[in-house]
Amino acid sequence: MAGWTTSAGDGSANAYVFKTDASGGLLWEWNLYLNIENWAYDVLECPDGGYLVVGWAYYGEKTGKNIYIAKTKADGSMEFESSCGLYKDEGAYSV
């Protein structure tokens, strides 16, 4: 599951991703707090058991929103993350 929360850091939006078992019990979670606002909009399970997450990262008025992409390992730990954009407002809603 991917989305965002305002319950951590300074209260701004932060990407939030978690995985549950078949009974709904929490297996792992991560909250991306980068001193910027960021949102996770979609997640896709990868063949290695990790997850690809996409969304937006907001860097302020001058830069605006950029596409945000992250890859977790199967245990939910971060494998890599990046953001990119050519214009002021880009974002990804789907993998």
C-alpha atoms as a PDB file:
ATOM      1  CA  MET A   1       0.000   0.000   0.000  1.00  0.00           C
ATOM      2  CA  ALA A   2       1.315   3.446  -0.869  1.00  0.00           C
ATOM      3  CA  GLY A   3       0.142   6.896   0.121  1.00  0.00           C
ATOM      4  CA  TRP A   4       1.261   9.693   2.425  1.00  0.00           C
ATOM      5  CA  THR A   5       1.032  10.805   6.015  1.00  0.00           C
ATOM      6  CA  THR A   6       1.402  14.069   7.899  1.00  0.00           C
ATOM      7  CA  SER A   7       2.069  12.398  11.264  1.00  0.00           C
ATOM      8  CA  ALA A   8       5.892  12.514  11.131  1.00  0.00           C
ATOM      9  CA  GLY A   9       8.527  15.201  10.914  1.00  0.00           C
ATOM     10  CA  ASP A  10       7.267  18.771  10.650  1.00  0.00           C
ATOM     11  CA  GLY A  11       3.688  17.833   9.717  1.00  0.00           C
ATOM     12  CA  SER A  12       4.128  18.188   5.959  1.00  0.00           C
ATOM     13  CA  ALA A  13       3.114  15.336   3.642  1.00  0.00           C
ATOM     14  CA  ASN A  14       5.549  12.411   3.544  1.00  0.00           C
ATOM     15  CA  ALA A  15       5.388   9.298   1.374  1.00  0.00           C
ATOM     16  CA  TYR A  16       4.245   6.276   3.370  1.00  0.00           C
ATOM     17  CA  VAL A  17       4.474   2.670   2.191  1.00  0.00           C
ATOM     18  CA  PHE A  18       3.592  -0.458   4.132  1.00  0.00           C
ATOM     19  CA  LYS A  19       3.009  -4.177   3.639  1.00  0.00           C
ATOM     20  CA  THR A  20       0.578  -6.402   5.516  1.00  0.00           C
ATOM     21  CA  ASP A  21       0.119 -10.143   5.766  1.00  0.00           C
ATOM     22  CA  ALA A  22      -3.084 -11.917   4.648  1.00  0.00           C
ATOM     23  CA  SER A  23      -4.687 -11.149   8.040  1.00  0.00           C
ATOM     24  CA  GLY A  24      -3.933  -7.441   7.806  1.00  0.00           C
ATOM     25  CA  GLY A  25      -1.022  -7.540  10.264  1.00  0.00           C
ATOM     26  CA  LEU A  26       1.742  -5.059   9.567  1.00  0.00           C
ATOM     27  CA  LEU A  27       4.898  -6.706   8.155  1.00  0.00           C
ATOM     28  CA  TRP A  28       6.896  -3.532   7.497  1.00  0.00           C
ATOM     29  CA  GLU A  29       6.477   0.167   6.844  1.00  0.00           C
ATOM     30  CA  TRP A  30       8.544   3.189   5.856  1.00  0.00           C
ATOM     31  CA  ASN A  31       7.868   6.855   5.977  1.00  0.00           C
ATOM     32  CA  LEU A  32       9.991   9.019   3.706  1.00  0.00           C
ATOM     33  CA  TYR A  33      10.852  12.233   5.506  1.00  0.00           C
ATOM     34  CA  LEU A  34      13.197  14.396   3.388  1.00  0.00           C
ATOM     35  CA  ASN A  35      12.439  17.908   4.713  1.00  0.00           C
ATOM     36  CA  ILE A  36      10.296  18.310   1.602  1.00  0.00           C
ATOM     37  CA  GLU A  37       6.740  17.296   0.861  1.00  0.00           C
ATOM     38  CA  ASN A  38       6.433  14.006  -1.019  1.00  0.00           C
ATOM     39  CA  TRP A  39       3.608  11.680  -1.929  1.00  0.00           C
ATOM     40  CA  ALA A  40       3.522   8.027  -3.003  1.00  0.00           C
ATOM     41  CA  TYR A  41       0.771   7.285  -5.530  1.00  0.00           C
ATOM     42  CA  ASP A  42       1.451   3.768  -6.807  1.00  0.00           C
ATOM     43  CA  VAL A  43       3.420   0.685  -5.865  1.00  0.00           C
ATOM     44  CA  LEU A  44       4.328  -2.409  -7.891  1.00  0.00           C
ATOM     45  CA  GLU A  45       5.790  -5.675  -6.589  1.00  0.00           C
ATOM     46  CA  CYS A  46       9.006  -6.560  -8.443  1.00  0.00           C
ATOM     47  CA  PRO A  47      10.192 -10.086  -9.358  1.00  0.00           C
ATOM     48  CA  ASP A  48      12.853  -9.929  -6.595  1.00  0.00           C
ATOM     49  CA  GLY A  49      10.145  -9.379  -3.946  1.00  0.00           C
ATOM     50  CA  GLY A  50      10.904  -5.661  -3.559  1.00  0.00           C
ATOM     51  CA  TYR A  51       8.597  -2.819  -4.487  1.00  0.00           C
ATOM     52  CA  LEU A  52       8.775   0.069  -6.936  1.00  0.00           C
ATOM     53  CA  VAL A  53       7.095   3.227  -5.633  1.00  0.00           C
ATOM     54  CA  VAL A  54       6.286   6.352  -7.670  1.00  0.00           C
ATOM     55  CA  GLY A  55       4.802   9.727  -6.851  1.00  0.00           C
ATOM     56  CA  TRP A  56       5.783  13.370  -6.393  1.00  0.00           C
ATOM     57  CA  ALA A  57       8.431  15.265  -4.450  1.00  0.00           C
ATOM     58  CA  TYR A  58       7.842  18.974  -3.852  1.00  0.00           C
ATOM     59  CA  TYR A  59      11.000  21.080  -3.620  1.00  0.00           C
ATOM     60  CA  GLY A  60       9.437  24.525  -3.223  1.00  0.00           C
ATOM     61  CA  GLU A  61       8.105  27.301  -5.426  1.00  0.00           C
ATOM     62  CA  LYS A  62      11.245  27.675  -7.541  1.00  0.00           C
ATOM     63  CA  THR A  63      11.546  24.010  -8.553  1.00  0.00           C
ATOM     64  CA  GLY A  64       7.998  22.786  -7.977  1.00  0.00           C
ATOM     65  CA  LYS A  65       7.089  19.101  -8.074  1.00  0.00           C
ATOM     66  CA  ASN A  66       9.291  16.394  -9.576  1.00  0.00           C
ATOM     67  CA  ILE A  67       8.664  12.734 -10.297  1.00  0.00           C
ATOM     68  CA  TYR A  68       9.718  10.628  -7.331  1.00  0.00           C
ATOM     69  CA  ILE A  69      10.724   6.967  -7.686  1.00  0.00           C
ATOM     70  CA  ALA A  70      11.966   4.542  -5.037  1.00  0.00           C
ATOM     71  CA  LYS A  71      12.754   0.817  -4.924  1.00  0.00           C
ATOM     72  CA  THR A  72      12.578  -1.204  -1.732  1.00  0.00           C
ATOM     73  CA  LYS A  73      14.063  -4.600  -0.983  1.00  0.00           C
ATOM     74  CA  ALA A  74      11.725  -7.446  -0.052  1.00  0.00           C
ATOM     75  CA  ASP A  75      12.070  -6.569   3.652  1.00  0.00           C
ATOM     76  CA  GLY A  76      10.972  -2.970   2.997  1.00  0.00           C
ATOM     77  CA  SER A  77      14.402  -1.379   3.359  1.00  0.00           C
ATOM     78  CA  MET A  78      15.295   1.258   0.781  1.00  0.00           C
ATOM     79  CA  GLU A  79      17.312   0.035  -2.209  1.00  0.00           C
ATOM     80  CA  PHE A  80      17.377   3.334  -4.105  1.00  0.00           C
ATOM     81  CA  GLU A  81      15.443   6.542  -4.567  1.00  0.00           C
ATOM     82  CA  SER A  82      15.551   9.377  -7.053  1.00  0.00           C
ATOM     83  CA  SER A  83      13.586  12.309  -8.377  1.00  0.00           C
ATOM     84  CA  CYS A  84      13.625  13.967 -11.761  1.00  0.00           C
ATOM     85  CA  GLY A  85      11.855  16.600 -13.766  1.00  0.00           C
ATOM     86  CA  LEU A  86      12.410  18.945 -16.685  1.00  0.00           C
ATOM     87  CA  TYR A  87       9.729  21.509 -15.973  1.00  0.00           C
ATOM     88  CA  LYS A  88       8.167  22.950 -12.841  1.00  0.00           C
ATOM     89  CA  ASP A  89       5.457  20.396 -12.099  1.00  0.00           C
ATOM     90  CA  GLU A  90       5.836  16.696 -12.901  1.00  0.00           C
ATOM     91  CA  GLY A  91       4.569  13.698 -11.016  1.00  0.00           C
ATOM     92  CA  ALA A  92       3.851  10.019 -11.473  1.00  0.00           C
ATOM     93  CA  TYR A  93       0.509   8.469 -10.634  1.00  0.00           C
ATOM     94  CA  SER A  94       1.121   4.928 -11.870  1.00  0.00           C
ATOM     95  CA  VAL A  95       3.926   2.411 -12.397  1.00  0.00           C
END
